[in-house]
Amino acid sequence: MKPDKVRNLTDDELRHQERELNDQLFKLKFQLNMGQTESLKKIRGLRRDIARVKTIARERGVATSVTTVVTTEKK
C-alpha cells in the first residue's frame, strides 16, 4: 500500500484498515506456524503497511494537538 493512498483515507477508514491488516497478519502468522505457508514476504509487507497506517495516524494526531495548542496560546 502506497503512503499517498493511505494519506487520502479518513480517520475511520485508517482505523478500519489497521484492524484489517492486523487480522491478515494474524492469519498469515498462524498459517506459518501451522506449516501451511512460507510467505515471509507477505508478512514483511503487512508489517510495513501496518507501520505506515500507524505513522500517518500519529502524524494526524500530532498535527491536531499542535494546532489546538497554538490556537489556545493565541487567546
PDB file of N, CA and C in Angstrom:
ATOM      1  N   MET A   1       0.851  -1.170   0.000  1.00  0.00           N
ATOM      2  CA  MET A   1       0.000   0.000   0.000  1.00  0.00           C
ATOM      3  C   MET A   1       0.898   1.235   0.000  1.00  0.00           C
ATOM      4  N   LYS A   2       0.622   2.145  -0.895  1.00  0.00           N
ATOM      5  CA  LYS A   2       1.419   3.354  -1.037  1.00  0.00           C
ATOM      6  C   LYS A   2       1.019   4.389   0.022  1.00  0.00           C
ATOM      7  N   PRO A   3       1.998   5.164   0.514  1.00  0.00           N
ATOM      8  CA  PRO A   3       1.683   6.178   1.521  1.00  0.00           C
ATOM      9  C   PRO A   3       0.669   7.213   1.035  1.00  0.00           C
ATOM     10  N   ASP A   4       0.715   7.565  -0.245  1.00  0.00           N
ATOM     11  CA  ASP A   4      -0.243   8.540  -0.770  1.00  0.00           C
ATOM     12  C   ASP A   4      -1.670   8.029  -0.652  1.00  0.00           C
ATOM     13  N   LYS A   5      -1.844   6.746  -0.910  1.00  0.00           N
ATOM     14  CA  LYS A   5      -3.178   6.145  -0.804  1.00  0.00           C
ATOM     15  C   LYS A   5      -3.661   6.165   0.650  1.00  0.00           C
ATOM     16  N   VAL A   6      -2.758   5.898   1.574  1.00  0.00           N
ATOM     17  CA  VAL A   6      -3.115   5.876   2.995  1.00  0.00           C
ATOM     18  C   VAL A   6      -3.458   7.286   3.475  1.00  0.00           C
ATOM     19  N   ARG A   7      -2.733   8.279   3.004  1.00  0.00           N
ATOM     20  CA  ARG A   7      -2.982   9.659   3.424  1.00  0.00           C
ATOM     21  C   ARG A   7      -4.352  10.162   2.973  1.00  0.00           C
ATOM     22  N   ASN A   8      -4.897   9.586   1.915  1.00  0.00           N
ATOM     23  CA  ASN A   8      -6.202  10.007   1.414  1.00  0.00           C
ATOM     24  C   ASN A   8      -7.367   9.391   2.189  1.00  0.00           C
ATOM     25  N   LEU A   9      -7.086   8.475   3.103  1.00  0.00           N
ATOM     26  CA  LEU A   9      -8.140   7.837   3.887  1.00  0.00           C
ATOM     27  C   LEU A   9      -8.570   8.745   5.039  1.00  0.00           C
ATOM     28  N   THR A  10      -9.828   8.606   5.433  1.00  0.00           N
ATOM     29  CA  THR A  10     -10.305   9.344   6.606  1.00  0.00           C
ATOM     30  C   THR A  10      -9.814   8.632   7.867  1.00  0.00           C
ATOM     31  N   ASP A  11     -10.020   9.243   9.020  1.00  0.00           N
ATOM     32  CA  ASP A  11      -9.571   8.644  10.276  1.00  0.00           C
ATOM     33  C   ASP A  11     -10.259   7.306  10.545  1.00  0.00           C
ATOM     34  N   ASP A  12     -11.565   7.236  10.275  1.00  0.00           N
ATOM     35  CA  ASP A  12     -12.290   5.976  10.472  1.00  0.00           C
ATOM     36  C   ASP A  12     -11.780   4.900   9.528  1.00  0.00           C
ATOM     37  N   GLU A  13     -11.536   5.283   8.294  1.00  0.00           N
ATOM     38  CA  GLU A  13     -11.015   4.320   7.319  1.00  0.00           C
ATOM     39  C   GLU A  13      -9.618   3.846   7.717  1.00  0.00           C
ATOM     40  N   LEU A  14      -8.819   4.744   8.293  1.00  0.00           N
ATOM     41  CA  LEU A  14      -7.479   4.364   8.764  1.00  0.00           C
ATOM     42  C   LEU A  14      -7.571   3.309   9.863  1.00  0.00           C
ATOM     43  N   ARG A  15      -8.451   3.550  10.832  1.00  0.00           N
ATOM     44  CA  ARG A  15      -8.625   2.579  11.920  1.00  0.00           C
ATOM     45  C   ARG A  15      -9.108   1.236  11.385  1.00  0.00           C
ATOM     46  N   HIS A  16     -10.049   1.281  10.448  1.00  0.00           N
ATOM     47  CA  HIS A  16     -10.556   0.056   9.848  1.00  0.00           C
ATOM     48  C   HIS A  16      -9.443  -0.671   9.086  1.00  0.00           C
ATOM     49  N   GLN A  17      -8.654   0.070   8.347  1.00  0.00           N
ATOM     50  CA  GLN A  17      -7.558  -0.513   7.579  1.00  0.00           C
ATOM     51  C   GLN A  17      -6.532  -1.151   8.508  1.00  0.00           C
ATOM     52  N   GLU A  18      -6.238  -0.496   9.620  1.00  0.00           N
ATOM     53  CA  GLU A  18      -5.279  -1.054  10.577  1.00  0.00           C
ATOM     54  C   GLU A  18      -5.793  -2.376  11.159  1.00  0.00           C
ATOM     55  N   ARG A  19      -7.079  -2.399  11.533  1.00  0.00           N
ATOM     56  CA  ARG A  19      -7.665  -3.636  12.064  1.00  0.00           C
ATOM     57  C   ARG A  19      -7.617  -4.751  11.028  1.00  0.00           C
ATOM     58  N   GLU A  20      -7.953  -4.404   9.808  1.00  0.00           N
ATOM     59  CA  GLU A  20      -7.966  -5.397   8.735  1.00  0.00           C
ATOM     60  C   GLU A  20      -6.565  -5.952   8.479  1.00  0.00           C
ATOM     61  N   LEU A  21      -5.570  -5.079   8.455  1.00  0.00           N
ATOM     62  CA  LEU A  21      -4.190  -5.520   8.243  1.00  0.00           C
ATOM     63  C   LEU A  21      -3.707  -6.384   9.399  1.00  0.00           C
ATOM     64  N   ASN A  22      -4.071  -6.010  10.630  1.00  0.00           N
ATOM     65  CA  ASN A  22      -3.687  -6.825  11.790  1.00  0.00           C
ATOM     66  C   ASN A  22      -4.313  -8.208  11.724  1.00  0.00           C
ATOM     67  N   ASP A  23      -5.567  -8.289  11.281  1.00  0.00           N
ATOM     68  CA  ASP A  23      -6.222  -9.589  11.132  1.00  0.00           C
ATOM     69  C   ASP A  23      -5.520 -10.440  10.085  1.00  0.00           C
ATOM     70  N   GLN A  24      -5.171  -9.826   8.964  1.00  0.00           N
ATOM     71  CA  GLN A  24      -4.462 -10.555   7.906  1.00  0.00           C
ATOM     72  C   GLN A  24      -3.111 -11.058   8.404  1.00  0.00           C
ATOM     73  N   LEU A  25      -2.407 -10.208   9.151  1.00  0.00           N
ATOM     74  CA  LEU A  25      -1.104 -10.593   9.689  1.00  0.00           C
ATOM     75  C   LEU A  25      -1.251 -11.764  10.658  1.00  0.00           C
ATOM     76  N   PHE A  26      -2.267 -11.702  11.507  1.00  0.00           N
ATOM     77  CA  PHE A  26      -2.503 -12.792  12.450  1.00  0.00           C
ATOM     78  C   PHE A  26      -2.743 -14.106  11.713  1.00  0.00           C
ATOM     79  N   LYS A  27      -3.587 -14.050  10.687  1.00  0.00           N
ATOM     80  CA  LYS A  27      -3.896 -15.263   9.929  1.00  0.00           C
ATOM     81  C   LYS A  27      -2.660 -15.825   9.239  1.00  0.00           C
ATOM     82  N   LEU A  28      -1.842 -14.938   8.657  1.00  0.00           N
ATOM     83  CA  LEU A  28      -0.626 -15.404   7.989  1.00  0.00           C
ATOM     84  C   LEU A  28       0.368 -16.008   8.981  1.00  0.00           C
ATOM     85  N   LYS A  29       0.510 -15.382  10.149  1.00  0.00           N
ATOM     86  CA  LYS A  29       1.415 -15.929  11.161  1.00  0.00           C
ATOM     87  C   LYS A  29       0.924 -17.291  11.643  1.00  0.00           C
ATOM     88  N   PHE A  30      -0.386 -17.408  11.786  1.00  0.00           N
ATOM     89  CA  PHE A  30      -0.966 -18.680  12.213  1.00  0.00           C
ATOM     90  C   PHE A  30      -0.686 -19.761  11.169  1.00  0.00           C
ATOM     91  N   GLN A  31      -0.889 -19.419   9.893  1.00  0.00           N
ATOM     92  CA  GLN A  31      -0.614 -20.370   8.820  1.00  0.00           C
ATOM     93  C   GLN A  31       0.864 -20.742   8.783  1.00  0.00           C
ATOM     94  N   LEU A  32       1.731 -19.773   9.024  1.00  0.00           N
ATOM     95  CA  LEU A  32       3.164 -20.029   9.019  1.00  0.00           C
ATOM     96  C   LEU A  32       3.529 -21.010  10.129  1.00  0.00           C
ATOM     97  N   ASN A  33       2.955 -20.807  11.305  1.00  0.00           N
ATOM     98  CA  ASN A  33       3.241 -21.705  12.433  1.00  0.00           C
ATOM     99  C   ASN A  33       2.666 -23.097  12.224  1.00  0.00           C
ATOM    100  N   MET A  34       1.574 -23.188  11.478  1.00  0.00           N
ATOM    101  CA  MET A  34       0.970 -24.497  11.198  1.00  0.00           C
ATOM    102  C   MET A  34       1.659 -25.193  10.032  1.00  0.00           C
ATOM    103  N   GLY A  35       2.548 -24.485   9.359  1.00  0.00           N
ATOM    104  CA  GLY A  35       3.274 -25.078   8.246  1.00  0.00           C
ATOM    105  C   GLY A  35       2.520 -25.044   6.935  1.00  0.00           C
ATOM    106  N   GLN A  36       1.462 -24.251   6.856  1.00  0.00           N
ATOM    107  CA  GLN A  36       0.651 -24.209   5.647  1.00  0.00           C
ATOM    108  C   GLN A  36       1.191 -23.233   4.619  1.00  0.00           C
ATOM    109  N   THR A  37       2.025 -22.297   5.043  1.00  0.00           N
ATOM    110  CA  THR A  37       2.541 -21.300   4.112  1.00  0.00           C
ATOM    111  C   THR A  37       3.967 -20.930   4.495  1.00  0.00           C
ATOM    112  N   GLU A  38       4.682 -20.419   3.533  1.00  0.00           N
ATOM    113  CA  GLU A  38       6.036 -19.951   3.792  1.00  0.00           C
ATOM    114  C   GLU A  38       6.218 -18.570   3.178  1.00  0.00           C
ATOM    115  N   SER A  39       5.192 -17.749   3.261  1.00  0.00           N
ATOM    116  CA  SER A  39       5.213 -16.438   2.617  1.00  0.00           C
ATOM    117  C   SER A  39       5.720 -15.361   3.572  1.00  0.00           C
ATOM    118  N   LEU A  40       7.004 -15.374   3.817  1.00  0.00           N
ATOM    119  CA  LEU A  40       7.602 -14.372   4.683  1.00  0.00           C
ATOM    120  C   LEU A  40       7.535 -12.993   4.047  1.00  0.00           C
ATOM    121  N   LYS A  41       7.549 -12.955   2.737  1.00  0.00           N
ATOM    122  CA  LYS A  41       7.482 -11.679   2.025  1.00  0.00           C
ATOM    123  C   LYS A  41       6.152 -10.974   2.299  1.00  0.00           C
ATOM    124  N   LYS A  42       5.065 -11.736   2.335  1.00  0.00           N
ATOM    125  CA  LYS A  42       3.752 -11.154   2.616  1.00  0.00           C
ATOM    126  C   LYS A  42       3.686 -10.629   4.044  1.00  0.00           C
ATOM    127  N   ILE A  43       4.259 -11.376   4.978  1.00  0.00           N
ATOM    128  CA  ILE A  43       4.256 -10.952   6.381  1.00  0.00           C
ATOM    129  C   ILE A  43       5.036  -9.659   6.522  1.00  0.00           C
ATOM    130  N   ARG A  44       6.193  -9.592   5.895  1.00  0.00           N
ATOM    131  CA  ARG A  44       7.009  -8.381   5.960  1.00  0.00           C
ATOM    132  C   ARG A  44       6.257  -7.187   5.363  1.00  0.00           C
ATOM    133  N   GLY A  45       5.589  -7.413   4.238  1.00  0.00           N
ATOM    134  CA  GLY A  45       4.813  -6.349   3.601  1.00  0.00           C
ATOM    135  C   GLY A  45       3.664  -5.866   4.471  1.00  0.00           C
ATOM    136  N   LEU A  46       2.971  -6.805   5.109  1.00  0.00           N
ATOM    137  CA  LEU A  46       1.866  -6.434   6.000  1.00  0.00           C
ATOM    138  C   LEU A  46       2.360  -5.632   7.197  1.00  0.00           C
ATOM    139  N   ARG A  47       3.490  -6.039   7.753  1.00  0.00           N
ATOM    140  CA  ARG A  47       4.042  -5.298   8.888  1.00  0.00           C
ATOM    141  C   ARG A  47       4.393  -3.876   8.476  1.00  0.00           C
ATOM    142  N   ARG A  48       4.913  -3.711   7.288  1.00  0.00           N
ATOM    143  CA  ARG A  48       5.253  -2.371   6.810  1.00  0.00           C
ATOM    144  C   ARG A  48       4.002  -1.545   6.556  1.00  0.00           C
ATOM    145  N   ASP A  49       2.967  -2.180   6.004  1.00  0.00           N
ATOM    146  CA  ASP A  49       1.706  -1.470   5.776  1.00  0.00           C
ATOM    147  C   ASP A  49       1.093  -1.006   7.095  1.00  0.00           C
ATOM    148  N   ILE A  50       1.141  -1.868   8.112  1.00  0.00           N
ATOM    149  CA  ILE A  50       0.620  -1.502   9.430  1.00  0.00           C
ATOM    150  C   ILE A  50       1.410  -0.318   9.987  1.00  0.00           C
ATOM    151  N   ALA A  51       2.719  -0.355   9.816  1.00  0.00           N
ATOM    152  CA  ALA A  51       3.556   0.745  10.298  1.00  0.00           C
ATOM    153  C   ALA A  51       3.210   2.044   9.571  1.00  0.00           C
ATOM    154  N   ARG A  52       2.958   1.968   8.261  1.00  0.00           N
ATOM    155  CA  ARG A  52       2.576   3.164   7.506  1.00  0.00           C
ATOM    156  C   ARG A  52       1.275   3.755   8.032  1.00  0.00           C
ATOM    157  N   VAL A  53       0.295   2.890   8.244  1.00  0.00           N
ATOM    158  CA  VAL A  53      -1.010   3.355   8.731  1.00  0.00           C
ATOM    159  C   VAL A  53      -0.865   3.995  10.108  1.00  0.00           C
ATOM    160  N   LYS A  54      -0.115   3.347  10.998  1.00  0.00           N
ATOM    161  CA  LYS A  54       0.075   3.893  12.336  1.00  0.00           C
ATOM    162  C   LYS A  54       0.839   5.208  12.298  1.00  0.00           C
ATOM    163  N   THR A  55       1.828   5.313  11.432  1.00  0.00           N
ATOM    164  CA  THR A  55       2.612   6.545  11.327  1.00  0.00           C
ATOM    165  C   THR A  55       1.748   7.702  10.865  1.00  0.00           C
ATOM    166  N   ILE A  56       0.936   7.475   9.861  1.00  0.00           N
ATOM    167  CA  ILE A  56       0.089   8.539   9.333  1.00  0.00           C
ATOM    168  C   ILE A  56      -0.976   8.927  10.358  1.00  0.00           C
ATOM    169  N   ALA A  57      -1.515   7.949  11.080  1.00  0.00           N
ATOM    170  CA  ALA A  57      -2.487   8.261  12.134  1.00  0.00           C
ATOM    171  C   ALA A  57      -1.822   9.092  13.230  1.00  0.00           C
ATOM    172  N   ARG A  58      -0.602   8.766  13.569  1.00  0.00           N
ATOM    173  CA  ARG A  58       0.142   9.520  14.587  1.00  0.00           C
ATOM    174  C   ARG A  58       0.436  10.934  14.107  1.00  0.00           C
ATOM    175  N   GLU A  59       0.824  11.074  12.838  1.00  0.00           N
ATOM    176  CA  GLU A  59       1.084  12.402  12.284  1.00  0.00           C
ATOM    177  C   GLU A  59      -0.164  13.278  12.375  1.00  0.00           C
ATOM    178  N   ARG A  60      -1.300  12.708  12.074  1.00  0.00           N
ATOM    179  CA  ARG A  60      -2.556  13.469  12.150  1.00  0.00           C
ATOM    180  C   ARG A  60      -2.867  13.859  13.590  1.00  0.00           C
ATOM    181  N   GLY A  61      -2.621  12.952  14.511  1.00  0.00           N
ATOM    182  CA  GLY A  61      -2.869  13.245  15.919  1.00  0.00           C
ATOM    183  C   GLY A  61      -1.968  14.349  16.434  1.00  0.00           C
ATOM    184  N   VAL A  62      -0.701  14.311  16.052  1.00  0.00           N
ATOM    185  CA  VAL A  62       0.240  15.341  16.473  1.00  0.00           C
ATOM    186  C   VAL A  62      -0.131  16.672  15.842  1.00  0.00           C
ATOM    187  N   ALA A  63      -0.495  16.665  14.577  1.00  0.00           N
ATOM    188  CA  ALA A  63      -0.877  17.909  13.895  1.00  0.00           C
ATOM    189  C   ALA A  63      -2.102  18.532  14.559  1.00  0.00           C
ATOM    190  N   THR A  64      -3.054  17.707  14.957  1.00  0.00           N
ATOM    191  CA  THR A  64      -4.255  18.196  15.615  1.00  0.00           C
ATOM    192  C   THR A  64      -3.915  18.792  16.984  1.00  0.00           C
ATOM    193  N   SER A  65      -3.057  18.119  17.747  1.00  0.00           N
ATOM    194  CA  SER A  65      -2.715  18.621  19.077  1.00  0.00           C
ATOM    195  C   SER A  65      -1.880  19.897  18.984  1.00  0.00           C
ATOM    196  N   VAL A  66      -1.007  19.988  17.993  1.00  0.00           N
ATOM    197  CA  VAL A  66      -0.201  21.197  17.817  1.00  0.00           C
ATOM    198  C   VAL A  66      -1.100  22.362  17.429  1.00  0.00           C
ATOM    199  N   THR A  67      -2.059  22.118  16.560  1.00  0.00           N
ATOM    200  CA  THR A  67      -2.992  23.156  16.156  1.00  0.00           C
ATOM    201  C   THR A  67      -3.816  23.633  17.353  1.00  0.00           C
ATOM    202  N   THR A  68      -4.230  22.726  18.194  1.00  0.00           N
ATOM    203  CA  THR A  68      -5.007  23.070  19.380  1.00  0.00           C
ATOM    204  C   THR A  68      -4.167  23.899  20.349  1.00  0.00           C
ATOM    205  N   VAL A  69      -2.928  23.535  20.555  1.00  0.00           N
ATOM    206  CA  VAL A  69      -2.044  24.258  21.471  1.00  0.00           C
ATOM    207  C   VAL A  69      -1.781  25.660  20.936  1.00  0.00           C
ATOM    208  N   VAL A  70      -1.510  25.772  19.657  1.00  0.00           N
ATOM    209  CA  VAL A  70      -1.240  27.084  19.056  1.00  0.00           C
ATOM    210  C   VAL A  70      -2.469  27.969  19.145  1.00  0.00           C
ATOM    211  N   THR A  71      -3.641  27.422  18.913  1.00  0.00           N
ATOM    212  CA  THR A  71      -4.874  28.179  18.969  1.00  0.00           C
ATOM    213  C   THR A  71      -5.141  28.686  20.382  1.00  0.00           C
ATOM    214  N   THR A  72      -4.939  27.852  21.385  1.00  0.00           N
ATOM    215  CA  THR A  72      -5.197  28.257  22.772  1.00  0.00           C
ATOM    216  C   THR A  72      -4.163  29.265  23.265  1.00  0.00           C
ATOM    217  N   GLU A  73      -2.930  29.195  22.772  1.00  0.00           N
ATOM    218  CA  GLU A  73      -1.900  30.136  23.186  1.00  0.00           C
ATOM    219  C   GLU A  73      -2.166  31.544  22.633  1.00  0.00           C
ATOM    220  N   LYS A  74      -2.797  31.648  21.480  1.00  0.00           N
ATOM    221  CA  LYS A  74      -3.071  32.944  20.870  1.00  0.00           C
ATOM    222  C   LYS A  74      -4.170  33.700  21.591  1.00  0.00           C
ATOM    223  N   LYS A  75      -5.001  33.016  22.342  1.00  0.00           N
ATOM    224  CA  LYS A  75      -6.127  33.657  23.021  1.00  0.00           C
ATOM    225  C   LYS A  75      -5.699  34.409  24.200  1.00  0.00           C
TER     226      LYS A  75
END
